[in-house]
Amino acid sequence: MHRGRMTWRRLRVLIQHLPPESHTMTALRNAMPAEELTEAQESGDATKGRWSQAEQLLATIADRVAALEHITVLAHSDGKGRKPEPPKPIPRPGVQDRSRKPRVRLTEQGAERLFQLINGGA
């Protein structure tokens, strides 16, 4: 193997060993069809849908602080005028946001182009 080139196998191994919370793994997880994601979660594959426990707790704390802030603003308002919208929870991996458009999936042609770029092609 030439040292300057990356093989498909090497790329696959590198991606498979990224931490579940990495941007790449999150993007791959978010691009999964809902039924495949559900199947992966039910099979216990943590890389396909879960954050670490610490990340889940941190997101829960942030959501609750935002909710408390919202309640405080409502409690201290005079009731006149427009009420602020309740805060939206922090998006969790593996949970589809119904308000967002579905993401475009990587095609075979796109994957081939990405591989060429990784290996120094123009």
PDB file of N, CA and C in Angstrom:
ATOM      1  N   MET A   1       0.834  -1.177   0.000  1.00  0.00           N
ATOM      2  CA  MET A   1       0.000   0.000   0.000  1.00  0.00           C
ATOM      3  C   MET A   1       0.881   1.243   0.000  1.00  0.00           C
ATOM      4  N   HIS A   2       0.569   2.169  -0.850  1.00  0.00           N
ATOM      5  CA  HIS A   2       1.286   3.438  -0.908  1.00  0.00           C
ATOM      6  C   HIS A   2       0.877   4.279   0.304  1.00  0.00           C
ATOM      7  N   ARG A   3       1.836   4.846   1.003  1.00  0.00           N
ATOM      8  CA  ARG A   3       1.554   5.570   2.250  1.00  0.00           C
ATOM      9  C   ARG A   3       0.735   6.844   2.058  1.00  0.00           C
ATOM     10  N   GLY A   4       0.778   7.434   0.862  1.00  0.00           N
ATOM     11  CA  GLY A   4       0.081   8.690   0.638  1.00  0.00           C
ATOM     12  C   GLY A   4      -1.396   8.523   0.320  1.00  0.00           C
ATOM     13  N   ARG A   5      -1.850   7.299   0.132  1.00  0.00           N
ATOM     14  CA  ARG A   5      -3.241   7.073  -0.264  1.00  0.00           C
ATOM     15  C   ARG A   5      -4.016   6.400   0.850  1.00  0.00           C
ATOM     16  N   MET A   6      -5.286   6.684   0.880  1.00  0.00           N
ATOM     17  CA  MET A   6      -6.147   6.071   1.876  1.00  0.00           C
ATOM     18  C   MET A   6      -7.060   5.076   1.170  1.00  0.00           C
ATOM     19  N   THR A   7      -7.165   3.898   1.720  1.00  0.00           N
ATOM     20  CA  THR A   7      -8.046   2.889   1.135  1.00  0.00           C
ATOM     21  C   THR A   7      -9.442   3.046   1.733  1.00  0.00           C
ATOM     22  N   TRP A   8     -10.420   2.437   1.074  1.00  0.00           N
ATOM     23  CA  TRP A   8     -11.790   2.436   1.592  1.00  0.00           C
ATOM     24  C   TRP A   8     -11.822   1.774   2.966  1.00  0.00           C
ATOM     25  N   ARG A   9     -11.066   0.692   3.098  1.00  0.00           N
ATOM     26  CA  ARG A   9     -11.035  -0.027   4.372  1.00  0.00           C
ATOM     27  C   ARG A   9     -10.512   0.865   5.485  1.00  0.00           C
ATOM     28  N   ARG A  10      -9.421   1.584   5.221  1.00  0.00           N
ATOM     29  CA  ARG A  10      -8.832   2.470   6.228  1.00  0.00           C
ATOM     30  C   ARG A  10      -9.816   3.579   6.610  1.00  0.00           C
ATOM     31  N   LEU A  11     -10.497   4.160   5.622  1.00  0.00           N
ATOM     32  CA  LEU A  11     -11.485   5.197   5.890  1.00  0.00           C
ATOM     33  C   LEU A  11     -12.616   4.645   6.749  1.00  0.00           C
ATOM     34  N   ARG A  12     -13.100   3.447   6.407  1.00  0.00           N
ATOM     35  CA  ARG A  12     -14.174   2.818   7.178  1.00  0.00           C
ATOM     36  C   ARG A  12     -13.748   2.590   8.618  1.00  0.00           C
ATOM     37  N   VAL A  13     -12.537   2.075   8.810  1.00  0.00           N
ATOM     38  CA  VAL A  13     -12.020   1.814  10.163  1.00  0.00           C
ATOM     39  C   VAL A  13     -11.910   3.111  10.953  1.00  0.00           C
ATOM     40  N   LEU A  14     -11.408   4.159  10.326  1.00  0.00           N
ATOM     41  CA  LEU A  14     -11.284   5.450  11.010  1.00  0.00           C
ATOM     42  C   LEU A  14     -12.656   5.979  11.434  1.00  0.00           C
ATOM     43  N   ILE A  15     -13.628   5.905  10.546  1.00  0.00           N
ATOM     44  CA  ILE A  15     -14.970   6.399  10.855  1.00  0.00           C
ATOM     45  C   ILE A  15     -15.615   5.548  11.945  1.00  0.00           C
ATOM     46  N   GLN A  16     -15.466   4.223  11.866  1.00  0.00           N
ATOM     47  CA  GLN A  16     -16.075   3.339  12.854  1.00  0.00           C
ATOM     48  C   GLN A  16     -15.526   3.558  14.257  1.00  0.00           C
ATOM     49  N   HIS A  17     -14.322   4.067  14.372  1.00  0.00           N
ATOM     50  CA  HIS A  17     -13.718   4.251  15.688  1.00  0.00           C
ATOM     51  C   HIS A  17     -13.806   5.688  16.204  1.00  0.00           C
ATOM     52  N   LEU A  18     -14.570   6.530  15.515  1.00  0.00           N
ATOM     53  CA  LEU A  18     -14.825   7.871  16.033  1.00  0.00           C
ATOM     54  C   LEU A  18     -15.752   7.754  17.246  1.00  0.00           C
ATOM     55  N   PRO A  19     -15.638   8.676  18.184  1.00  0.00           N
ATOM     56  CA  PRO A  19     -16.560   8.632  19.332  1.00  0.00           C
ATOM     57  C   PRO A  19     -17.999   8.904  18.885  1.00  0.00           C
ATOM     58  N   PRO A  20     -18.986   8.307  19.549  1.00  0.00           N
ATOM     59  CA  PRO A  20     -20.389   8.487  19.152  1.00  0.00           C
ATOM     60  C   PRO A  20     -20.829   9.941  19.097  1.00  0.00           C
ATOM     61  N   GLU A  21     -20.211  10.801  19.913  1.00  0.00           N
ATOM     62  CA  GLU A  21     -20.626  12.201  19.939  1.00  0.00           C
ATOM     63  C   GLU A  21     -19.927  13.056  18.895  1.00  0.00           C
ATOM     64  N   SER A  22     -19.048  12.464  18.075  1.00  0.00           N
ATOM     65  CA  SER A  22     -18.340  13.238  17.052  1.00  0.00           C
ATOM     66  C   SER A  22     -19.326  13.773  16.013  1.00  0.00           C
ATOM     67  N   HIS A  23     -18.920  14.841  15.346  1.00  0.00           N
ATOM     68  CA  HIS A  23     -19.768  15.449  14.322  1.00  0.00           C
ATOM     69  C   HIS A  23     -20.083  14.445  13.207  1.00  0.00           C
ATOM     70  N   THR A  24     -19.087  13.680  12.799  1.00  0.00           N
ATOM     71  CA  THR A  24     -19.288  12.710  11.712  1.00  0.00           C
ATOM     72  C   THR A  24     -20.292  11.633  12.111  1.00  0.00           C
ATOM     73  N   MET A  25     -20.127  11.058  13.312  1.00  0.00           N
ATOM     74  CA  MET A  25     -21.056  10.009  13.744  1.00  0.00           C
ATOM     75  C   MET A  25     -22.464  10.582  13.928  1.00  0.00           C
ATOM     76  N   THR A  26     -22.561  11.801  14.431  1.00  0.00           N
ATOM     77  CA  THR A  26     -23.871  12.434  14.585  1.00  0.00           C
ATOM     78  C   THR A  26     -24.513  12.650  13.221  1.00  0.00           C
ATOM     79  N   ALA A  27     -23.736  13.112  12.236  1.00  0.00           N
ATOM     80  CA  ALA A  27     -24.267  13.323  10.884  1.00  0.00           C
ATOM     81  C   ALA A  27     -24.721  12.001  10.262  1.00  0.00           C
ATOM     82  N   LEU A  28     -23.931  10.948  10.438  1.00  0.00           N
ATOM     83  CA  LEU A  28     -24.315   9.641   9.899  1.00  0.00           C
ATOM     84  C   LEU A  28     -25.592   9.137  10.565  1.00  0.00           C
ATOM     85  N   ARG A  29     -25.672   9.304  11.871  1.00  0.00           N
ATOM     86  CA  ARG A  29     -26.844   8.875  12.628  1.00  0.00           C
ATOM     87  C   ARG A  29     -28.071   9.670  12.195  1.00  0.00           C
ATOM     88  N   ASN A  30     -27.917  10.987  11.998  1.00  0.00           N
ATOM     89  CA  ASN A  30     -29.043  11.824  11.591  1.00  0.00           C
ATOM     90  C   ASN A  30     -29.509  11.523  10.174  1.00  0.00           C
ATOM     91  N   ALA A  31     -28.645  10.947   9.357  1.00  0.00           N
ATOM     92  CA  ALA A  31     -29.005  10.619   7.980  1.00  0.00           C
ATOM     93  C   ALA A  31     -29.679   9.247   7.865  1.00  0.00           C
ATOM     94  N   MET A  32     -29.692   8.496   8.955  1.00  0.00           N
ATOM     95  CA  MET A  32     -30.292   7.157   8.914  1.00  0.00           C
ATOM     96  C   MET A  32     -31.811   7.252   8.785  1.00  0.00           C
ATOM     97  N   PRO A  33     -32.424   6.351   8.013  1.00  0.00           N
ATOM     98  CA  PRO A  33     -33.893   6.302   7.977  1.00  0.00           C
ATOM     99  C   PRO A  33     -34.422   5.957   9.370  1.00  0.00           C
ATOM    100  N   ALA A  34     -35.612   6.452   9.699  1.00  0.00           N
ATOM    101  CA  ALA A  34     -36.181   6.281  11.040  1.00  0.00           C
ATOM    102  C   ALA A  34     -36.260   4.818  11.456  1.00  0.00           C
ATOM    103  N   GLU A  35     -36.665   3.939  10.535  1.00  0.00           N
ATOM    104  CA  GLU A  35     -36.808   2.523  10.900  1.00  0.00           C
ATOM    105  C   GLU A  35     -35.456   1.870  11.188  1.00  0.00           C
ATOM    106  N   GLU A  36     -34.418   2.254  10.441  1.00  0.00           N
ATOM    107  CA  GLU A  36     -33.077   1.722  10.681  1.00  0.00           C
ATOM    108  C   GLU A  36     -32.527   2.228  12.014  1.00  0.00           C
ATOM    109  N   LEU A  37     -32.798   3.485  12.316  1.00  0.00           N
ATOM    110  CA  LEU A  37     -32.358   4.075  13.573  1.00  0.00           C
ATOM    111  C   LEU A  37     -33.027   3.385  14.756  1.00  0.00           C
ATOM    112  N   THR A  38     -34.340   3.150  14.657  1.00  0.00           N
ATOM    113  CA  THR A  38     -35.073   2.467  15.715  1.00  0.00           C
ATOM    114  C   THR A  38     -34.527   1.062  15.923  1.00  0.00           C
ATOM    115  N   GLU A  39     -34.267   0.360  14.828  1.00  0.00           N
ATOM    116  CA  GLU A  39     -33.714  -0.996  14.907  1.00  0.00           C
ATOM    117  C   GLU A  39     -32.346  -0.992  15.583  1.00  0.00           C
ATOM    118  N   ALA A  40     -31.506  -0.027  15.223  1.00  0.00           N
ATOM    119  CA  ALA A  40     -30.167   0.069  15.817  1.00  0.00           C
ATOM    120  C   ALA A  40     -30.249   0.381  17.306  1.00  0.00           C
ATOM    121  N   GLN A  41     -31.165   1.256  17.702  1.00  0.00           N
ATOM    122  CA  GLN A  41     -31.319   1.599  19.109  1.00  0.00           C
ATOM    123  C   GLN A  41     -31.810   0.396  19.902  1.00  0.00           C
ATOM    124  N   GLU A  42     -32.754  -0.355  19.328  1.00  0.00           N
ATOM    125  CA  GLU A  42     -33.299  -1.512  20.023  1.00  0.00           C
ATOM    126  C   GLU A  42     -32.286  -2.641  20.137  1.00  0.00           C
ATOM    127  N   SER A  43     -31.345  -2.693  19.188  1.00  0.00           N
ATOM    128  CA  SER A  43     -30.322  -3.740  19.244  1.00  0.00           C
ATOM    129  C   SER A  43     -29.230  -3.415  20.247  1.00  0.00           C
ATOM    130  N   GLY A  44     -29.262  -2.204  20.808  1.00  0.00           N
ATOM    131  CA  GLY A  44     -28.285  -1.830  21.819  1.00  0.00           C
ATOM    132  C   GLY A  44     -27.022  -1.205  21.265  1.00  0.00           C
ATOM    133  N   ASP A  45     -27.017  -0.794  20.005  1.00  0.00           N
ATOM    134  CA  ASP A  45     -25.838  -0.157  19.422  1.00  0.00           C
ATOM    135  C   ASP A  45     -25.829   1.309  19.826  1.00  0.00           C
ATOM    136  N   ALA A  46     -25.042   1.629  20.851  1.00  0.00           N
ATOM    137  CA  ALA A  46     -25.025   2.977  21.419  1.00  0.00           C
ATOM    138  C   ALA A  46     -24.536   4.022  20.436  1.00  0.00           C
ATOM    139  N   THR A  47     -23.741   3.620  19.448  1.00  0.00           N
ATOM    140  CA  THR A  47     -23.212   4.596  18.493  1.00  0.00           C
ATOM    141  C   THR A  47     -24.286   5.089  17.538  1.00  0.00           C
ATOM    142  N   LYS A  48     -25.423   4.425  17.495  1.00  0.00           N
ATOM    143  CA  LYS A  48     -26.457   4.784  16.537  1.00  0.00           C
ATOM    144  C   LYS A  48     -27.555   5.658  17.121  1.00  0.00           C
ATOM    145  N   GLY A  49     -27.508   6.007  18.386  1.00  0.00           N
ATOM    146  CA  GLY A  49     -28.607   6.817  18.859  1.00  0.00           C
ATOM    147  C   GLY A  49     -28.447   7.465  20.203  1.00  0.00           C
ATOM    148  N   ARG A  50     -27.429   7.150  20.940  1.00  0.00           N
ATOM    149  CA  ARG A  50     -27.356   7.688  22.280  1.00  0.00           C
ATOM    150  C   ARG A  50     -26.133   8.540  22.498  1.00  0.00           C
ATOM    151  N   TRP A  51     -26.313   9.537  23.331  1.00  0.00           N
ATOM    152  CA  TRP A  51     -25.190  10.288  23.862  1.00  0.00           C
ATOM    153  C   TRP A  51     -24.715   9.551  25.101  1.00  0.00           C
ATOM    154  N   SER A  52     -23.584   9.981  25.605  1.00  0.00           N
ATOM    155  CA  SER A  52     -23.150   9.426  26.887  1.00  0.00           C
ATOM    156  C   SER A  52     -24.117   9.917  27.966  1.00  0.00           C
ATOM    157  N   GLN A  53     -24.065   9.276  29.116  1.00  0.00           N
ATOM    158  CA  GLN A  53     -24.952   9.663  30.208  1.00  0.00           C
ATOM    159  C   GLN A  53     -24.687  11.115  30.625  1.00  0.00           C
ATOM    160  N   ALA A  54     -23.426  11.511  30.650  1.00  0.00           N
ATOM    161  CA  ALA A  54     -23.087  12.886  31.037  1.00  0.00           C
ATOM    162  C   ALA A  54     -23.689  13.886  30.053  1.00  0.00           C
ATOM    163  N   GLU A  55     -23.645  13.582  28.771  1.00  0.00           N
ATOM    164  CA  GLU A  55     -24.211  14.490  27.757  1.00  0.00           C
ATOM    165  C   GLU A  55     -25.733  14.568  27.889  1.00  0.00           C
ATOM    166  N   GLN A  56     -26.367  13.429  28.167  1.00  0.00           N
ATOM    167  CA  GLN A  56     -27.815  13.428  28.361  1.00  0.00           C
ATOM    168  C   GLN A  56     -28.191  14.281  29.571  1.00  0.00           C
ATOM    169  N   LEU A  57     -27.445  14.114  30.664  1.00  0.00           N
ATOM    170  CA  LEU A  57     -27.727  14.898  31.873  1.00  0.00           C
ATOM    171  C   LEU A  57     -27.514  16.384  31.634  1.00  0.00           C
ATOM    172  N   LEU A  58     -26.449  16.740  30.933  1.00  0.00           N
ATOM    173  CA  LEU A  58     -26.173  18.144  30.642  1.00  0.00           C
ATOM    174  C   LEU A  58     -27.278  18.758  29.783  1.00  0.00           C
ATOM    175  N   ALA A  59     -27.737  18.029  28.772  1.00  0.00           N
ATOM    176  CA  ALA A  59     -28.826  18.528  27.928  1.00  0.00           C
ATOM    177  C   ALA A  59     -30.113  18.666  28.740  1.00  0.00           C
ATOM    178  N   THR A  60     -30.382  17.723  29.640  1.00  0.00           N
ATOM    179  CA  THR A  60     -31.566  17.792  30.495  1.00  0.00           C
ATOM    180  C   THR A  60     -31.498  19.012  31.405  1.00  0.00           C
ATOM    181  N   ILE A  61     -30.339  19.257  31.991  1.00  0.00           N
ATOM    182  CA  ILE A  61     -30.165  20.431  32.853  1.00  0.00           C
ATOM    183  C   ILE A  61     -30.388  21.715  32.054  1.00  0.00           C
ATOM    184  N   ALA A  62     -29.800  21.799  30.866  1.00  0.00           N
ATOM    185  CA  ALA A  62     -29.972  22.990  30.031  1.00  0.00           C
ATOM    186  C   ALA A  62     -31.444  23.200  29.673  1.00  0.00           C
ATOM    187  N   ASP A  63     -32.153  22.122  29.350  1.00  0.00           N
ATOM    188  CA  ASP A  63     -33.577  22.233  29.018  1.00  0.00           C
ATOM    189  C   ASP A  63     -34.386  22.721  30.216  1.00  0.00           C
ATOM    190  N   ARG A  64     -34.055  22.194  31.388  1.00  0.00           N
ATOM    191  CA  ARG A  64     -34.803  22.594  32.593  1.00  0.00           C
ATOM    192  C   ARG A  64     -34.501  24.027  33.009  1.00  0.00           C
ATOM    193  N   VAL A  65     -33.268  24.463  32.854  1.00  0.00           N
ATOM    194  CA  VAL A  65     -32.931  25.858  33.147  1.00  0.00           C
ATOM    195  C   VAL A  65     -33.696  26.778  32.196  1.00  0.00           C
ATOM    196  N   ALA A  66     -33.763  26.407  30.933  1.00  0.00           N
ATOM    197  CA  ALA A  66     -34.506  27.219  29.957  1.00  0.00           C
ATOM    198  C   ALA A  66     -35.992  27.255  30.319  1.00  0.00           C
ATOM    199  N   ALA A  67     -36.542  26.119  30.768  1.00  0.00           N
ATOM    200  CA  ALA A  67     -37.946  26.083  31.169  1.00  0.00           C
ATOM    201  C   ALA A  67     -38.180  26.960  32.403  1.00  0.00           C
ATOM    202  N   LEU A  68     -37.270  26.913  33.368  1.00  0.00           N
ATOM    203  CA  LEU A  68     -37.388  27.751  34.563  1.00  0.00           C
ATOM    204  C   LEU A  68     -37.308  29.244  34.204  1.00  0.00           C
ATOM    205  N   GLU A  69     -36.424  29.566  33.284  1.00  0.00           N
ATOM    206  CA  GLU A  69     -36.312  30.949  32.825  1.00  0.00           C
ATOM    207  C   GLU A  69     -37.628  31.398  32.189  1.00  0.00           C
ATOM    208  N   HIS A  70     -38.215  30.539  31.380  1.00  0.00           N
ATOM    209  CA  HIS A  70     -39.480  30.849  30.722  1.00  0.00           C
ATOM    210  C   HIS A  70     -40.579  31.068  31.755  1.00  0.00           C
ATOM    211  N   ILE A  71     -40.661  30.197  32.745  1.00  0.00           N
ATOM    212  CA  ILE A  71     -41.670  30.319  33.797  1.00  0.00           C
ATOM    213  C   ILE A  71     -41.459  31.605  34.599  1.00  0.00           C
ATOM    214  N   THR A  72     -40.203  31.930  34.874  1.00  0.00           N
ATOM    215  CA  THR A  72     -39.889  33.152  35.627  1.00  0.00           C
ATOM    216  C   THR A  72     -40.337  34.389  34.857  1.00  0.00           C
ATOM    217  N   VAL A  73     -40.072  34.414  33.564  1.00  0.00           N
ATOM    218  CA  VAL A  73     -40.498  35.552  32.742  1.00  0.00           C
ATOM    219  C   VAL A  73     -42.019  35.663  32.758  1.00  0.00           C
ATOM    220  N   LEU A  74     -42.712  34.545  32.625  1.00  0.00           N
ATOM    221  CA  LEU A  74     -44.177  34.567  32.643  1.00  0.00           C
ATOM    222  C   LEU A  74     -44.704  35.047  34.002  1.00  0.00           C
ATOM    223  N   ALA A  75     -44.090  34.582  35.079  1.00  0.00           N
ATOM    224  CA  ALA A  75     -44.548  34.931  36.428  1.00  0.00           C
ATOM    225  C   ALA A  75     -44.342  36.410  36.738  1.00  0.00           C
ATOM    226  N   HIS A  76     -43.334  37.023  36.146  1.00  0.00           N
ATOM    227  CA  HIS A  76     -43.034  38.415  36.435  1.00  0.00           C
ATOM    228  C   HIS A  76     -43.565  39.387  35.378  1.00  0.00           C
ATOM    229  N   SER A  77     -44.325  38.887  34.444  1.00  0.00           N
ATOM    230  CA  SER A  77     -44.904  39.786  33.446  1.00  0.00           C
ATOM    231  C   SER A  77     -46.264  40.275  33.947  1.00  0.00           C
ATOM    232  N   ASP A  78     -46.720  41.347  33.400  1.00  0.00           N
ATOM    233  CA  ASP A  78     -47.997  41.910  33.845  1.00  0.00           C
ATOM    234  C   ASP A  78     -49.196  41.268  33.147  1.00  0.00           C
ATOM    235  N   GLY A  79     -48.945  40.303  32.282  1.00  0.00           N
ATOM    236  CA  GLY A  79     -50.031  39.605  31.601  1.00  0.00           C
ATOM    237  C   GLY A  79     -50.511  40.302  30.347  1.00  0.00           C
ATOM    238  N   LYS A  80     -50.008  41.509  30.118  1.00  0.00           N
ATOM    239  CA  LYS A  80     -50.387  42.244  28.916  1.00  0.00           C
ATOM    240  C   LYS A  80     -49.345  41.979  27.830  1.00  0.00           C
ATOM    241  N   GLY A  81     -49.768  42.017  26.633  1.00  0.00           N
ATOM    242  CA  GLY A  81     -48.824  41.811  25.534  1.00  0.00           C
ATOM    243  C   GLY A  81     -48.656  40.333  25.205  1.00  0.00           C
ATOM    244  N   ARG A  82     -47.728  40.118  24.340  1.00  0.00           N
ATOM    245  CA  ARG A  82     -47.487  38.770  23.828  1.00  0.00           C
ATOM    246  C   ARG A  82     -46.645  37.965  24.808  1.00  0.00           C
ATOM    247  N   LYS A  83     -47.023  36.718  25.030  1.00  0.00           N
ATOM    248  CA  LYS A  83     -46.256  35.830  25.898  1.00  0.00           C
ATOM    249  C   LYS A  83     -45.101  35.215  25.101  1.00  0.00           C
ATOM    250  N   PRO A  84     -43.955  35.052  25.734  1.00  0.00           N
ATOM    251  CA  PRO A  84     -42.843  34.414  25.017  1.00  0.00           C
ATOM    252  C   PRO A  84     -43.137  32.945  24.743  1.00  0.00           C
ATOM    253  N   GLU A  85     -42.583  32.462  23.642  1.00  0.00           N
ATOM    254  CA  GLU A  85     -42.741  31.044  23.281  1.00  0.00           C
ATOM    255  C   GLU A  85     -41.978  30.179  24.272  1.00  0.00           C
ATOM    256  N   PRO A  86     -42.509  29.012  24.612  1.00  0.00           N
ATOM    257  CA  PRO A  86     -41.731  28.116  25.473  1.00  0.00           C
ATOM    258  C   PRO A  86     -40.459  27.666  24.746  1.00  0.00           C
ATOM    259  N   PRO A  87     -39.396  27.404  25.491  1.00  0.00           N
ATOM    260  CA  PRO A  87     -38.140  27.002  24.838  1.00  0.00           C
ATOM    261  C   PRO A  87     -38.245  25.615  24.225  1.00  0.00           C
ATOM    262  N   LYS A  88     -37.488  25.436  23.147  1.00  0.00           N
ATOM    263  CA  LYS A  88     -37.422  24.113  22.510  1.00  0.00           C
ATOM    264  C   LYS A  88     -36.294  23.326  23.160  1.00  0.00           C
ATOM    265  N   PRO A  89     -36.503  22.033  23.375  1.00  0.00           N
ATOM    266  CA  PRO A  89     -35.426  21.227  23.968  1.00  0.00           C
ATOM    267  C   PRO A  89     -34.226  21.118  23.031  1.00  0.00           C
ATOM    268  N   ILE A  90     -33.075  20.885  23.604  1.00  0.00           N
ATOM    269  CA  ILE A  90     -31.860  20.662  22.822  1.00  0.00           C
ATOM    270  C   ILE A  90     -32.056  19.377  22.017  1.00  0.00           C
ATOM    271  N   PRO A  91     -31.773  19.409  20.714  1.00  0.00           N
ATOM    272  CA  PRO A  91     -31.938  18.191  19.910  1.00  0.00           C
ATOM    273  C   PRO A  91     -31.016  17.078  20.398  1.00  0.00           C
ATOM    274  N   ARG A  92     -31.561  15.893  20.519  1.00  0.00           N
ATOM    275  CA  ARG A  92     -30.792  14.717  20.917  1.00  0.00           C
ATOM    276  C   ARG A  92     -30.514  13.870  19.676  1.00  0.00           C
ATOM    277  N   PRO A  93     -29.369  13.205  19.637  1.00  0.00           N
ATOM    278  CA  PRO A  93     -29.102  12.328  18.490  1.00  0.00           C
ATOM    279  C   PRO A  93     -30.094  11.183  18.462  1.00  0.00           C
ATOM    280  N   GLY A  94     -30.541  10.872  17.272  1.00  0.00           N
ATOM    281  CA  GLY A  94     -31.475   9.765  17.102  1.00  0.00           C
ATOM    282  C   GLY A  94     -32.921  10.157  17.269  1.00  0.00           C
ATOM    283  N   VAL A  95     -33.199  11.406  17.615  1.00  0.00           N
ATOM    284  CA  VAL A  95     -34.569  11.883  17.760  1.00  0.00           C
ATOM    285  C   VAL A  95     -34.820  12.860  16.627  1.00  0.00           C
ATOM    286  N   GLN A  96     -35.741  12.519  15.756  1.00  0.00           N
ATOM    287  CA  GLN A  96     -36.006  13.348  14.586  1.00  0.00           C
ATOM    288  C   GLN A  96     -36.760  14.610  14.976  1.00  0.00           C
ATOM    289  N   ASP A  97     -36.307  15.760  14.501  1.00  0.00           N
ATOM    290  CA  ASP A  97     -36.985  17.028  14.699  1.00  0.00           C
ATOM    291  C   ASP A  97     -37.981  17.174  13.560  1.00  0.00           C
ATOM    292  N   ARG A  98     -39.252  17.143  13.872  1.00  0.00           N
ATOM    293  CA  ARG A  98     -40.302  17.175  12.852  1.00  0.00           C
ATOM    294  C   ARG A  98     -40.384  18.527  12.139  1.00  0.00           C
ATOM    295  N   SER A  99     -39.835  19.580  12.756  1.00  0.00           N
ATOM    296  CA  SER A  99     -39.933  20.895  12.141  1.00  0.00           C
ATOM    297  C   SER A  99     -38.850  21.136  11.089  1.00  0.00           C
ATOM    298  N   ARG A 100     -37.840  20.286  11.037  1.00  0.00           N
ATOM    299  CA  ARG A 100     -36.742  20.466  10.086  1.00  0.00           C
ATOM    300  C   ARG A 100     -36.960  19.612   8.850  1.00  0.00           C
ATOM    301  N   LYS A 101     -36.421  20.096   7.744  1.00  0.00           N
ATOM    302  CA  LYS A 101     -36.492  19.325   6.502  1.00  0.00           C
ATOM    303  C   LYS A 101     -35.562  18.124   6.611  1.00  0.00           C
ATOM    304  N   PRO A 102     -35.916  16.994   5.970  1.00  0.00           N
ATOM    305  CA  PRO A 102     -35.024  15.840   6.015  1.00  0.00           C
ATOM    306  C   PRO A 102     -33.687  16.149   5.348  1.00  0.00           C
ATOM    307  N   ARG A 103     -32.636  15.580   5.879  1.00  0.00           N
ATOM    308  CA  ARG A 103     -31.304  15.813   5.327  1.00  0.00           C
ATOM    309  C   ARG A 103     -31.099  14.999   4.066  1.00  0.00           C
ATOM    310  N   VAL A 104     -30.272  15.528   3.204  1.00  0.00           N
ATOM    311  CA  VAL A 104     -29.949  14.840   1.960  1.00  0.00           C
ATOM    312  C   VAL A 104     -28.958  13.724   2.276  1.00  0.00           C
ATOM    313  N   ARG A 105     -29.215  12.547   1.732  1.00  0.00           N
ATOM    314  CA  ARG A 105     -28.344  11.398   1.971  1.00  0.00           C
ATOM    315  C   ARG A 105     -27.162  11.412   1.001  1.00  0.00           C
ATOM    316  N   LEU A 106     -26.055  10.853   1.436  1.00  0.00           N
ATOM    317  CA  LEU A 106     -24.859  10.756   0.612  1.00  0.00           C
ATOM    318  C   LEU A 106     -25.070   9.670  -0.432  1.00  0.00           C
ATOM    319  N   THR A 107     -24.940  10.029  -1.712  1.00  0.00           N
ATOM    320  CA  THR A 107     -25.111   9.069  -2.798  1.00  0.00           C
ATOM    321  C   THR A 107     -23.790   8.354  -3.076  1.00  0.00           C
ATOM    322  N   GLU A 108     -23.858   7.312  -3.866  1.00  0.00           N
ATOM    323  CA  GLU A 108     -22.640   6.587  -4.252  1.00  0.00           C
ATOM    324  C   GLU A 108     -21.687   7.517  -4.996  1.00  0.00           C
ATOM    325  N   GLN A 109     -22.240   8.353  -5.869  1.00  0.00           N
ATOM    326  CA  GLN A 109     -21.420   9.295  -6.630  1.00  0.00           C
ATOM    327  C   GLN A 109     -20.768  10.296  -5.674  1.00  0.00           C
ATOM    328  N   GLY A 110     -21.519  10.789  -4.712  1.00  0.00           N
ATOM    329  CA  GLY A 110     -20.969  11.717  -3.730  1.00  0.00           C
ATOM    330  C   GLY A 110     -19.897  11.066  -2.872  1.00  0.00           C
ATOM    331  N   ALA A 111     -20.113   9.794  -2.500  1.00  0.00           N
ATOM    332  CA  ALA A 111     -19.125   9.068  -1.706  1.00  0.00           C
ATOM    333  C   ALA A 111     -17.831   8.871  -2.491  1.00  0.00           C
ATOM    334  N   GLU A 112     -17.963   8.567  -3.769  1.00  0.00           N
ATOM    335  CA  GLU A 112     -16.781   8.387  -4.617  1.00  0.00           C
ATOM    336  C   GLU A 112     -16.009   9.700  -4.731  1.00  0.00           C
ATOM    337  N   ARG A 113     -16.728  10.806  -4.904  1.00  0.00           N
ATOM    338  CA  ARG A 113     -16.078  12.122  -5.003  1.00  0.00           C
ATOM    339  C   ARG A 113     -15.373  12.464  -3.686  1.00  0.00           C
ATOM    340  N   LEU A 114     -16.018  12.195  -2.561  1.00  0.00           N
ATOM    341  CA  LEU A 114     -15.403  12.429  -1.253  1.00  0.00           C
ATOM    342  C   LEU A 114     -14.135  11.605  -1.109  1.00  0.00           C
ATOM    343  N   PHE A 115     -14.176  10.356  -1.515  1.00  0.00           N
ATOM    344  CA  PHE A 115     -13.001   9.489  -1.435  1.00  0.00           C
ATOM    345  C   PHE A 115     -11.860  10.058  -2.290  1.00  0.00           C
ATOM    346  N   GLN A 116     -12.184  10.547  -3.490  1.00  0.00           N
ATOM    347  CA  GLN A 116     -11.163  11.129  -4.363  1.00  0.00           C
ATOM    348  C   GLN A 116     -10.539  12.359  -3.713  1.00  0.00           C
ATOM    349  N   LEU A 117     -11.360  13.194  -3.113  1.00  0.00           N
ATOM    350  CA  LEU A 117     -10.841  14.392  -2.452  1.00  0.00           C
ATOM    351  C   LEU A 117      -9.956  14.049  -1.263  1.00  0.00           C
ATOM    352  N   ILE A 118     -10.332  13.027  -0.506  1.00  0.00           N
ATOM    353  CA  ILE A 118      -9.532  12.601   0.641  1.00  0.00           C
ATOM    354  C   ILE A 118      -8.158  12.116   0.172  1.00  0.00           C
ATOM    355  N   ASN A 119      -8.127  11.492  -0.984  1.00  0.00           N
ATOM    356  CA  ASN A 119      -6.867  10.954  -1.502  1.00  0.00           C
ATOM    357  C   ASN A 119      -6.108  11.956  -2.359  1.00  0.00           C
ATOM    358  N   GLY A 120      -6.461  13.230  -2.271  1.00  0.00           N
ATOM    359  CA  GLY A 120      -5.689  14.263  -2.949  1.00  0.00           C
ATOM    360  C   GLY A 120      -6.123  14.578  -4.357  1.00  0.00           C
ATOM    361  N   GLY A 121      -7.227  14.001  -4.811  1.00  0.00           N
ATOM    362  CA  GLY A 121      -7.726  14.289  -6.158  1.00  0.00           C
ATOM    363  C   GLY A 121      -8.435  15.623  -6.199  1.00  0.00           C
ATOM    364  N   ALA A 122      -8.536  16.185  -7.389  1.00  0.00           N
ATOM    365  CA  ALA A 122      -9.202  17.489  -7.523  1.00  0.00           C
ATOM    366  C   ALA A 122     -10.541  17.318  -8.191  1.00  0.00           C
TER     367      ALA A 122
END
